[in-house]
């Protein structure tokens, strides 16, 4: 990092990418990341009827593979991707869909698409990125990442997610969790100042227990050690290879690829680095695809980088890949430990909602900060048009839906932003 490339208001990280914390701090910081991604990672297999423990192990193995392939230079955690819920459900539900063997092949095909694109990027280069993705496109897209998740955070905080009814007790727990997290961020010093998210989780969980919101059934029925129901090709499941299976999932790789690039841009902004150049976009894409291939070989859903964990990086200023790697190891271990898995699964959505109210907002403000620091002038019509359309398209949920293929949210917003940036002239003469 040079003096020329360091912004005037750059905040020095508490732990930089290759800095290793003391072992006791290491454990707690990694667990904080585990708690942050846990709900979303097991949500996908829960609604698609895959095995949650396998999905947890898949995320850990995929993250470790990602760190290895990117040479330990990108602090990103990978978890189950929401983009594939619909096709997975379809393949498992329909008699002609092929069941778990079809999901396995579909997930594998996603990884193959990533590998092909990674090769193209390797040979073509990344110079086109600055032209295609300038701050006026990237800033609003990053804002969409956070703001599009806002309804989910609010629903969890009120108890209305998954068709539930409004509950003032759930809202109170969420607000207490949020307040504790804010206090920890603002006033806690030393080690506790590094784990505001975990502080919010712990206090929120204790308050939930007092309010009777914790379901102890899973904990009571759990065992110390459990071997998940892995789906391994040619061992306990035969792959189902058909054109329908491949086309139902492989095209969605471009959706998560757009999300991947958005997260990379966000990480660039947070850490003041250019991961597109070092270790290279081709490496991060190949790593993301490899993670999905690993997931396919044990029966997990496709995985992708998680905005929630990037939010933790932004809040704590702890960018250490050792902390991310520790979270991955814990995820793998907890997939085999019944009691720990049950306790984390029992964390009420009220607590997750309270944390998310802050976490998703931090992601959104990172995009706003990028535009401010890049001196994007929104009084210029061109800039105002691009930012406005990207925000409304992404947050409003405009989508293209053709069969099993769906383009919406951040991916749709990114595509529209790129097109507008390339089509609208930078200079024109008004008549």
Protein backbone atom coordinates (compact mmCIF):
# COMPACT_ATOMS: atom_id res chain seq x y z
CA UNK A 1 0.00 0.00 0.00
CA UNK A 2 1.65 3.21 -1.11
CA UNK A 3 1.16 6.77 -0.06
CA UNK A 4 -0.26 7.57 -3.51
CA UNK A 5 -2.90 4.82 -3.35
CA UNK A 6 -3.93 5.34 0.26
CA UNK A 7 -6.96 7.65 0.69
CA UNK A 8 -6.60 10.57 3.10
CA UNK A 9 -9.37 9.18 5.33
CA UNK A 10 -8.13 5.58 5.17
CA UNK A 11 -8.64 3.81 8.50
CA UNK A 12 -5.85 1.43 9.45
CA UNK A 13 -7.18 -2.08 10.05
CA UNK A 14 -7.08 -3.66 13.48
CA UNK A 15 -5.78 -6.83 11.85
CA UNK A 16 -4.72 -6.77 8.21
CA UNK A 17 -5.17 -9.63 5.78
CA UNK A 18 -2.09 -11.64 6.71
CA UNK A 19 -1.92 -10.75 10.40
CA UNK A 20 -2.60 -13.57 12.82
CA UNK A 21 -4.40 -12.85 16.13
CA UNK A 22 -3.53 -14.48 19.45
CA UNK A 23 -5.18 -17.90 19.71
CA UNK A 24 -7.81 -16.86 22.29
CA UNK A 25 -8.88 -13.83 20.22
CA UNK A 26 -8.64 -15.91 17.07
CA UNK A 27 -11.27 -18.37 18.33
CA UNK A 28 -13.78 -15.69 19.33
CA UNK A 29 -13.31 -13.63 16.15
CA UNK A 30 -13.84 -16.73 14.01
CA UNK A 31 -16.94 -17.75 15.95
CA UNK A 32 -18.32 -14.26 15.33
CA UNK A 33 -18.12 -14.92 11.57
CA UNK A 34 -19.65 -18.35 12.09
CA UNK A 35 -22.69 -16.90 13.87
CA UNK A 36 -23.07 -14.27 11.16
CA UNK A 37 -23.27 -16.70 8.24
CA UNK A 38 -24.93 -19.61 10.02
CA UNK A 39 -28.56 -18.60 9.61
CA UNK A 40 -28.35 -17.98 5.86
CA UNK A 41 -26.19 -21.04 5.17
CA UNK A 42 -28.59 -23.50 6.81
CA UNK A 43 -31.67 -21.63 5.56
CA UNK A 44 -31.14 -22.76 1.96
CA UNK A 45 -30.95 -26.50 2.73
CA UNK A 46 -33.81 -26.19 5.22
CA UNK A 47 -36.25 -24.82 2.63
CA UNK A 48 -34.98 -27.11 -0.15
CA UNK A 49 -34.89 -30.25 2.05
CA UNK A 50 -31.17 -30.81 1.71
CA UNK A 51 -29.10 -31.63 4.80
CA UNK A 52 -28.21 -28.48 6.84
CA UNK A 53 -25.12 -30.09 8.39
CA UNK A 54 -23.80 -31.03 4.93
CA UNK A 55 -24.39 -27.43 3.79
CA UNK A 56 -22.44 -26.18 6.81
CA UNK A 57 -19.52 -28.51 6.05
CA UNK A 58 -19.71 -27.53 2.36
CA UNK A 59 -19.38 -23.86 3.27
CA UNK A 60 -16.34 -24.56 5.44
CA UNK A 61 -14.58 -26.74 2.87
CA UNK A 62 -15.47 -24.29 0.09
CA UNK A 63 -14.10 -21.35 2.07
CA UNK A 64 -10.82 -23.14 2.77
CA UNK A 65 -10.50 -24.01 -0.93
CA UNK A 66 -11.22 -20.38 -1.79
CA UNK A 67 -8.48 -19.13 0.55
CA UNK A 68 -5.98 -21.63 -0.86
CA UNK A 69 -6.71 -20.87 -4.52
CA UNK A 70 -6.61 -17.09 -3.94
CA UNK A 71 -3.26 -17.54 -2.12
CA UNK A 72 -4.72 -16.35 1.17
CA UNK A 73 -5.15 -12.81 -0.16
CA UNK A 74 -8.94 -12.33 -0.10
CA UNK A 75 -10.81 -12.42 3.25
CA UNK A 76 -14.11 -13.85 2.00
CA UNK A 77 -16.43 -16.43 3.53
CA UNK A 78 -18.59 -18.64 1.28
CA UNK A 79 -22.03 -19.93 2.20
CA UNK A 80 -25.14 -21.43 0.61
CA UNK A 81 -26.46 -19.35 -2.29
CA UNK A 82 -30.11 -18.23 -2.30
CA UNK A 83 -30.09 -17.96 -6.12
CA UNK A 84 -30.49 -21.72 -6.51
CA UNK A 85 -33.42 -22.33 -4.14
CA UNK A 86 -36.02 -22.52 -6.93
CA UNK A 87 -34.22 -24.97 -9.27
CA UNK A 88 -33.06 -27.19 -6.37
CA UNK A 89 -36.62 -27.38 -5.06
CA UNK A 90 -37.86 -28.21 -8.55
CA UNK A 91 -35.30 -30.96 -9.10
CA UNK A 92 -36.03 -32.54 -5.73
CA UNK A 93 -39.83 -32.23 -5.88
CA UNK A 94 -40.60 -33.32 -9.42
CA UNK A 95 -40.64 -37.07 -10.04
CA UNK A 96 -38.91 -36.53 -13.35
CA UNK A 97 -36.48 -34.05 -11.83
CA UNK A 98 -33.97 -36.67 -10.81
CA UNK A 99 -33.78 -35.95 -7.06
CA UNK A 100 -30.46 -35.50 -5.19
CA UNK A 101 -28.49 -37.00 -8.11
CA UNK A 102 -29.78 -34.21 -10.36
CA UNK A 103 -29.02 -31.50 -7.80
CA UNK A 104 -25.50 -32.89 -7.55
CA UNK A 105 -24.97 -32.57 -11.32
CA UNK A 106 -26.59 -29.12 -11.41
CA UNK A 107 -24.33 -27.86 -8.63
CA UNK A 108 -21.28 -29.33 -10.38
CA UNK A 109 -22.27 -27.58 -13.62
CA UNK A 110 -22.32 -24.24 -11.78
CA UNK A 111 -18.69 -24.77 -10.84
CA UNK A 112 -17.81 -25.65 -14.42
CA UNK A 113 -19.33 -22.39 -15.69
CA UNK A 114 -17.21 -20.47 -13.17
CA UNK A 115 -14.09 -22.30 -14.37
CA UNK A 116 -14.79 -21.46 -18.03
CA UNK A 117 -15.33 -17.76 -17.25
CA UNK A 118 -12.18 -17.74 -15.08
CA UNK A 119 -10.16 -19.00 -18.06
CA UNK A 120 -11.61 -16.29 -20.31
CA UNK A 121 -10.75 -13.60 -17.74
CA UNK A 122 -7.23 -15.03 -17.41
CA UNK A 123 -6.52 -14.70 -21.14
CA UNK A 124 -8.47 -11.50 -21.87
CA UNK A 125 -7.31 -9.58 -18.78
CA UNK A 126 -9.12 -7.19 -16.42
CA UNK A 127 -8.51 -3.80 -18.03
CA UNK A 128 -12.13 -3.77 -19.15
CA UNK A 129 -13.32 -3.72 -15.53
CA UNK A 130 -12.52 -0.03 -14.98
CA UNK A 131 -14.46 0.85 -18.12
CA UNK A 132 -17.41 -1.43 -17.40
CA UNK A 133 -17.55 -0.91 -13.62
CA UNK A 134 -16.63 2.68 -12.67
CA UNK A 135 -17.61 4.11 -9.22
CA UNK A 136 -20.91 5.48 -10.57
CA UNK A 137 -21.98 1.89 -11.30
CA UNK A 138 -20.23 0.09 -8.45
CA UNK A 139 -21.35 2.48 -5.68
CA UNK A 140 -25.10 2.11 -6.28
CA UNK A 141 -24.72 -1.65 -6.88
CA UNK A 142 -23.02 -2.04 -3.50
CA UNK A 143 -25.85 -0.01 -1.96
CA UNK A 144 -28.33 -2.41 -3.56
CA UNK A 145 -26.53 -5.37 -1.94
CA UNK A 146 -27.34 -3.98 1.49
CA UNK A 147 -30.66 -2.24 0.86
CA UNK A 148 -32.22 -5.16 -1.03
CA UNK A 149 -31.72 -7.22 2.13
CA UNK A 150 -33.41 -4.59 4.30
CA UNK A 151 -36.93 -6.10 4.07
CA UNK A 152 -35.51 -9.44 5.18
CA UNK A 153 -33.86 -7.82 8.20
CA UNK A 154 -37.04 -5.95 9.13
CA UNK A 155 -39.19 -9.08 8.72
CA UNK A 156 -36.90 -11.10 10.99
CA UNK A 157 -36.92 -8.28 13.54
CA UNK A 158 -40.73 -8.28 13.62
CA UNK A 159 -41.30 -12.03 13.36
CA UNK A 160 -43.11 -11.77 10.03
CA UNK A 161 -40.54 -13.73 8.01
CA UNK A 162 -41.60 -17.15 6.67
CA UNK A 163 -45.28 -16.24 7.05
CA UNK A 164 -45.11 -15.50 10.78
CA UNK A 165 -47.23 -12.95 12.62
CA UNK A 166 -46.04 -9.68 14.11
CA UNK A 167 -44.85 -10.13 17.70
CA UNK A 168 -43.84 -7.23 19.92
CA UNK A 169 -41.61 -9.55 22.00
CA UNK A 170 -39.63 -10.49 18.89
CA UNK A 171 -39.30 -6.82 17.95
CA UNK A 172 -38.14 -5.94 21.48
CA UNK A 173 -35.47 -8.67 21.41
CA UNK A 174 -34.30 -7.47 17.97
CA UNK A 175 -34.03 -3.87 19.16
CA UNK A 176 -32.16 -4.89 22.33
CA UNK A 177 -29.76 -6.93 20.17
CA UNK A 178 -29.26 -3.93 17.88
CA UNK A 179 -28.68 -1.50 20.77
CA UNK A 180 -26.14 -3.83 22.43
CA UNK A 181 -24.27 -4.19 19.13
CA UNK A 182 -24.21 -0.42 18.61
CA UNK A 183 -22.99 0.17 22.18
CA UNK A 184 -20.26 -2.44 21.69
CA UNK A 185 -19.17 -0.76 18.45
CA UNK A 186 -19.12 2.72 19.93
CA UNK A 187 -17.88 2.29 23.48
CA UNK A 188 -16.26 -1.11 24.06
CA UNK A 189 -12.47 -1.03 24.11
CA UNK A 190 -9.80 -3.67 23.61
CA UNK A 191 -10.85 -7.16 22.64
CA UNK A 192 -14.58 -6.63 23.23
CA UNK A 193 -14.42 -3.74 20.79
CA UNK A 194 -13.49 -6.29 18.09
CA UNK A 195 -16.52 -8.54 18.62
CA UNK A 196 -19.57 -6.24 18.66
CA UNK A 197 -21.58 -8.68 16.51
CA UNK A 198 -20.89 -11.58 18.87
CA UNK A 199 -21.75 -9.40 21.87
CA UNK A 200 -25.10 -8.66 20.24
CA UNK A 201 -25.67 -12.35 19.56
CA UNK A 202 -24.93 -13.41 23.15
CA UNK A 203 -27.04 -10.75 24.85
CA UNK A 204 -29.83 -11.20 22.31
CA UNK A 205 -29.85 -14.94 22.93
CA UNK A 206 -30.02 -14.49 26.70
CA UNK A 207 -32.90 -12.00 26.37
CA UNK A 208 -34.64 -14.44 24.00
CA UNK A 209 -34.36 -17.14 26.64
CA UNK A 210 -35.99 -14.84 29.19
CA UNK A 211 -38.81 -14.07 26.73
CA UNK A 212 -39.38 -17.75 25.94
CA UNK A 213 -38.39 -17.43 22.29
CA UNK A 214 -35.74 -20.17 22.25
CA UNK A 215 -36.83 -23.61 21.07
CA UNK A 216 -34.83 -26.19 23.05
CA UNK A 217 -36.17 -29.22 21.15
CA UNK A 218 -33.14 -29.56 18.87
CA UNK A 219 -30.75 -29.20 21.81
CA UNK A 220 -32.58 -31.85 23.85
CA UNK A 221 -32.56 -34.32 20.98
CA UNK A 222 -28.99 -33.63 19.86
CA UNK A 223 -26.06 -36.00 20.23
CA UNK A 224 -22.42 -35.14 20.83
CA UNK A 225 -21.17 -36.57 17.55
CA UNK A 226 -23.14 -37.10 14.35
CA UNK A 227 -22.17 -38.02 10.81
CA UNK A 228 -24.28 -36.03 8.33
CA UNK A 229 -26.05 -37.75 5.45
CA UNK A 230 -23.52 -37.04 2.73
CA UNK A 231 -24.59 -37.60 -0.87
CA UNK A 232 -21.47 -38.91 -2.59
CA UNK A 233 -21.50 -39.70 -6.34
CA UNK A 234 -21.32 -43.40 -7.23
CA UNK A 235 -21.23 -44.31 -3.51
CA UNK A 236 -24.76 -43.69 -2.29
CA UNK A 237 -26.15 -41.66 -5.18
CA UNK A 238 -25.93 -41.96 -8.97
CA UNK A 239 -25.57 -38.63 -10.82
CA UNK A 240 -28.45 -37.71 -13.14
CA UNK A 241 -26.95 -36.06 -16.21
CA UNK A 242 -29.51 -34.48 -18.52
CA UNK A 243 -29.66 -31.26 -20.50
CA UNK A 244 -32.68 -30.16 -18.43
CA UNK A 245 -30.75 -30.57 -15.17
CA UNK A 246 -27.76 -28.61 -16.46
CA UNK A 247 -29.85 -25.79 -17.96
CA UNK A 248 -31.91 -25.45 -14.80
CA UNK A 249 -28.88 -24.45 -12.71
CA UNK A 250 -25.81 -23.67 -14.84
CA UNK A 251 -27.10 -20.32 -16.24
CA UNK A 252 -27.71 -19.08 -12.69
CA UNK A 253 -23.93 -19.10 -12.24
CA UNK A 254 -23.89 -15.74 -14.06
CA UNK A 255 -26.22 -14.34 -11.40
CA UNK A 256 -23.95 -15.34 -8.51
CA UNK A 257 -20.95 -14.31 -10.62
CA UNK A 258 -22.31 -10.76 -10.74
CA UNK A 259 -22.83 -10.96 -6.99
CA UNK A 260 -19.27 -12.27 -6.61
CA UNK A 261 -17.86 -9.30 -8.51
CA UNK A 262 -19.98 -6.91 -6.46
CA UNK A 263 -18.57 -8.41 -3.28
CA UNK A 264 -15.05 -8.19 -4.68
CA UNK A 265 -15.55 -4.51 -5.41
CA UNK A 266 -16.88 -4.01 -1.91
CA UNK A 267 -13.88 -5.81 -0.41
CA UNK A 268 -11.58 -3.66 -2.56
CA UNK A 269 -13.21 -0.59 -1.06
CA UNK A 270 -13.09 -1.82 2.54
CA UNK A 271 -9.51 -3.10 2.51
CA UNK A 272 -8.08 -0.48 0.10
CA UNK A 273 -6.80 -3.15 -2.28
CA UNK A 274 -7.42 -4.29 -5.84
CA UNK A 275 -8.24 -7.98 -5.70
CA UNK A 276 -9.04 -7.95 -9.41
CA UNK A 277 -5.29 -7.56 -10.04
CA UNK A 278 -3.85 -9.41 -7.04
CA UNK A 279 -4.47 -12.32 -6.76
CA UNK A 280 -6.64 -11.77 -9.86
CA UNK A 281 -10.31 -12.00 -10.73
CA UNK A 282 -9.63 -15.28 -12.55
CA UNK A 283 -8.39 -16.82 -9.30
CA UNK A 284 -11.35 -15.66 -7.22
CA UNK A 285 -13.82 -16.89 -9.86
CA UNK A 286 -12.03 -20.24 -10.10
CA UNK A 287 -12.04 -20.49 -6.32
CA UNK A 288 -15.74 -19.72 -6.10
CA UNK A 289 -16.47 -22.35 -8.75
CA UNK A 290 -14.26 -24.92 -7.03
CA UNK A 291 -16.21 -24.40 -3.82
CA UNK A 292 -19.45 -25.29 -5.60
CA UNK A 293 -17.83 -28.37 -7.15
CA UNK A 294 -16.74 -29.50 -3.67
CA UNK A 295 -20.28 -28.94 -2.42
CA UNK A 296 -21.67 -31.07 -5.26
CA UNK A 297 -19.42 -34.00 -4.30
CA UNK A 298 -20.88 -34.28 -0.79
CA UNK A 299 -24.48 -33.23 -1.41
CA UNK A 300 -24.42 -29.55 -0.50
CA UNK A 301 -25.99 -26.61 -2.38
CA UNK A 302 -23.93 -24.19 -4.52
CA UNK A 303 -22.02 -21.65 -2.45
CA UNK A 304 -20.94 -18.06 -3.01
CA UNK A 305 -19.30 -15.20 -1.12
CA UNK A 306 -21.41 -13.72 1.70
CA UNK A 307 -22.24 -10.04 2.10
CA UNK A 308 -23.04 -10.61 5.79
CA UNK A 309 -19.46 -11.57 6.56
CA UNK A 310 -18.15 -8.64 4.51
CA UNK A 311 -20.30 -6.46 6.77
CA UNK A 312 -18.46 -7.91 9.79
CA UNK A 313 -15.12 -7.00 8.16
CA UNK A 314 -16.32 -3.43 7.61
CA UNK A 315 -17.51 -3.06 11.21
CA UNK A 316 -14.60 -4.68 13.04
CA UNK A 317 -11.71 -3.67 10.69
CA UNK A 318 -10.41 -7.22 11.20
CA UNK A 319 -9.48 -8.43 7.71
CA UNK A 320 -7.36 -11.43 8.70
CA UNK A 321 -7.74 -14.49 6.44
CA UNK A 322 -6.72 -16.55 9.47
CA UNK A 323 -9.94 -15.47 11.17
CA UNK A 324 -11.96 -16.41 8.06
CA UNK A 325 -10.13 -19.73 7.86
CA UNK A 326 -10.86 -20.34 11.54
CA UNK A 327 -14.56 -19.79 10.90
CA UNK A 328 -14.39 -22.34 8.08
CA UNK A 329 -12.74 -24.92 10.34
CA UNK A 330 -15.39 -24.35 13.02
CA UNK A 331 -18.13 -24.73 10.41
CA UNK A 332 -16.74 -28.12 9.39
CA UNK A 333 -16.34 -29.24 13.02
CA UNK A 334 -19.79 -28.04 14.03
CA UNK A 335 -21.30 -30.01 11.17
CA UNK A 336 -20.22 -33.12 13.08
CA UNK A 337 -21.01 -31.88 16.63
CA UNK A 338 -24.69 -32.24 17.32
CA UNK A 339 -24.96 -30.05 20.44
CA UNK A 340 -23.12 -27.06 19.00
CA UNK A 341 -25.06 -27.30 15.77
CA UNK A 342 -28.33 -27.43 17.70
CA UNK A 343 -27.47 -24.42 19.89
CA UNK A 344 -26.54 -22.23 16.93
CA UNK A 345 -29.61 -23.41 15.01
CA UNK A 346 -31.75 -22.42 18.00
CA UNK A 347 -30.71 -18.75 17.78
CA UNK A 348 -34.06 -16.97 17.24
CA UNK A 349 -34.64 -14.96 14.07
CA UNK A 350 -35.25 -11.96 16.33
CA UNK A 351 -31.54 -11.94 17.19
CA UNK A 352 -30.52 -12.40 13.55
CA UNK A 353 -32.91 -9.59 12.59
CA UNK A 354 -31.47 -7.17 15.14
CA UNK A 355 -27.93 -7.81 13.91
CA UNK A 356 -29.01 -7.57 10.27
CA UNK A 357 -30.60 -4.13 10.76
CA UNK A 358 -27.08 -2.84 11.27
CA UNK A 359 -25.09 -5.28 9.16
CA UNK A 360 -26.99 -4.75 5.92
CA UNK A 361 -26.96 -0.99 6.45
CA UNK A 362 -23.18 -1.00 6.80
CA UNK A 363 -22.92 -2.70 3.41
CA UNK A 364 -25.18 -0.06 1.83
CA UNK A 365 -23.28 2.87 3.29
CA UNK A 366 -20.02 1.41 1.96
CA UNK A 367 -21.36 2.02 -1.55
CA UNK A 368 -22.33 5.58 -0.67
CA UNK A 369 -18.90 6.15 0.80
CA UNK A 370 -17.28 4.89 -2.42
CA UNK A 371 -19.14 7.47 -4.50
CA UNK A 372 -18.26 10.27 -2.07
CA UNK A 373 -14.57 9.36 -2.00
CA UNK A 374 -14.50 8.97 -5.78
CA UNK A 375 -16.02 12.46 -6.05
CA UNK A 376 -18.97 11.28 -8.15
CA UNK A 377 -20.95 14.41 -9.05
CA UNK A 378 -24.67 13.56 -8.86
CA UNK A 379 -25.60 17.00 -10.20
CA UNK A 380 -24.46 15.68 -13.60
CA UNK A 381 -27.50 14.17 -15.34
CA UNK A 382 -25.61 11.14 -16.58
CA UNK A 383 -24.48 10.15 -13.09
CA UNK A 384 -27.88 10.88 -11.56
CA UNK A 385 -29.63 8.69 -14.17
CA UNK A 386 -27.31 5.72 -13.69
CA UNK A 387 -27.43 5.84 -9.88
CA UNK A 388 -31.21 6.34 -9.79
CA UNK A 389 -32.07 3.52 -12.16
CA UNK A 390 -29.63 1.08 -10.54
CA UNK A 391 -31.07 1.74 -7.07
CA UNK A 392 -34.71 1.41 -8.09
CA UNK A 393 -34.13 -1.66 -10.28
CA UNK A 394 -32.14 -3.44 -7.56
CA UNK A 395 -34.26 -2.52 -4.55
CA UNK A 396 -37.57 -2.64 -6.41
CA UNK A 397 -37.01 -6.21 -7.54
CA UNK A 398 -37.22 -5.77 -11.32
CA UNK A 399 -36.50 -9.16 -12.84
CA UNK A 400 -36.15 -11.18 -16.02
CA UNK A 401 -37.81 -14.56 -15.55
CA UNK A 402 -37.51 -17.16 -18.33
CA UNK A 403 -38.27 -20.71 -17.21
CA UNK A 404 -35.85 -21.68 -14.44
CA UNK A 405 -33.60 -18.75 -15.28
CA UNK A 406 -34.13 -15.63 -13.22
CA UNK A 407 -32.14 -12.40 -13.18
CA UNK A 408 -33.07 -10.02 -10.39
CA UNK A 409 -31.81 -7.98 -7.46
CA UNK A 410 -28.16 -6.99 -7.46
CA UNK A 411 -27.34 -8.95 -10.62
CA UNK A 412 -30.12 -7.21 -12.57
CA UNK A 413 -29.10 -3.82 -11.15
CA UNK A 414 -25.46 -4.43 -12.11
CA UNK A 415 -26.42 -5.40 -15.66
CA UNK A 416 -28.61 -2.30 -16.10
CA UNK A 417 -25.90 -0.07 -14.61
CA UNK A 418 -23.25 -1.48 -16.96
CA UNK A 419 -25.48 -0.99 -20.01
CA UNK A 420 -26.39 2.61 -19.06
CA UNK A 421 -22.74 3.45 -18.37
CA UNK A 422 -21.68 2.16 -21.78
CA UNK A 423 -24.60 3.68 -23.72
CA UNK A 424 -25.03 7.15 -22.20
CA UNK A 425 -22.29 9.47 -23.52
CA UNK A 426 -20.05 11.10 -20.92
CA UNK A 427 -20.15 14.41 -22.74
CA UNK A 428 -22.86 15.85 -24.88
CA UNK A 429 -23.99 19.24 -26.06
CA UNK A 430 -27.46 20.37 -25.03
CA UNK A 431 -29.44 22.08 -27.74
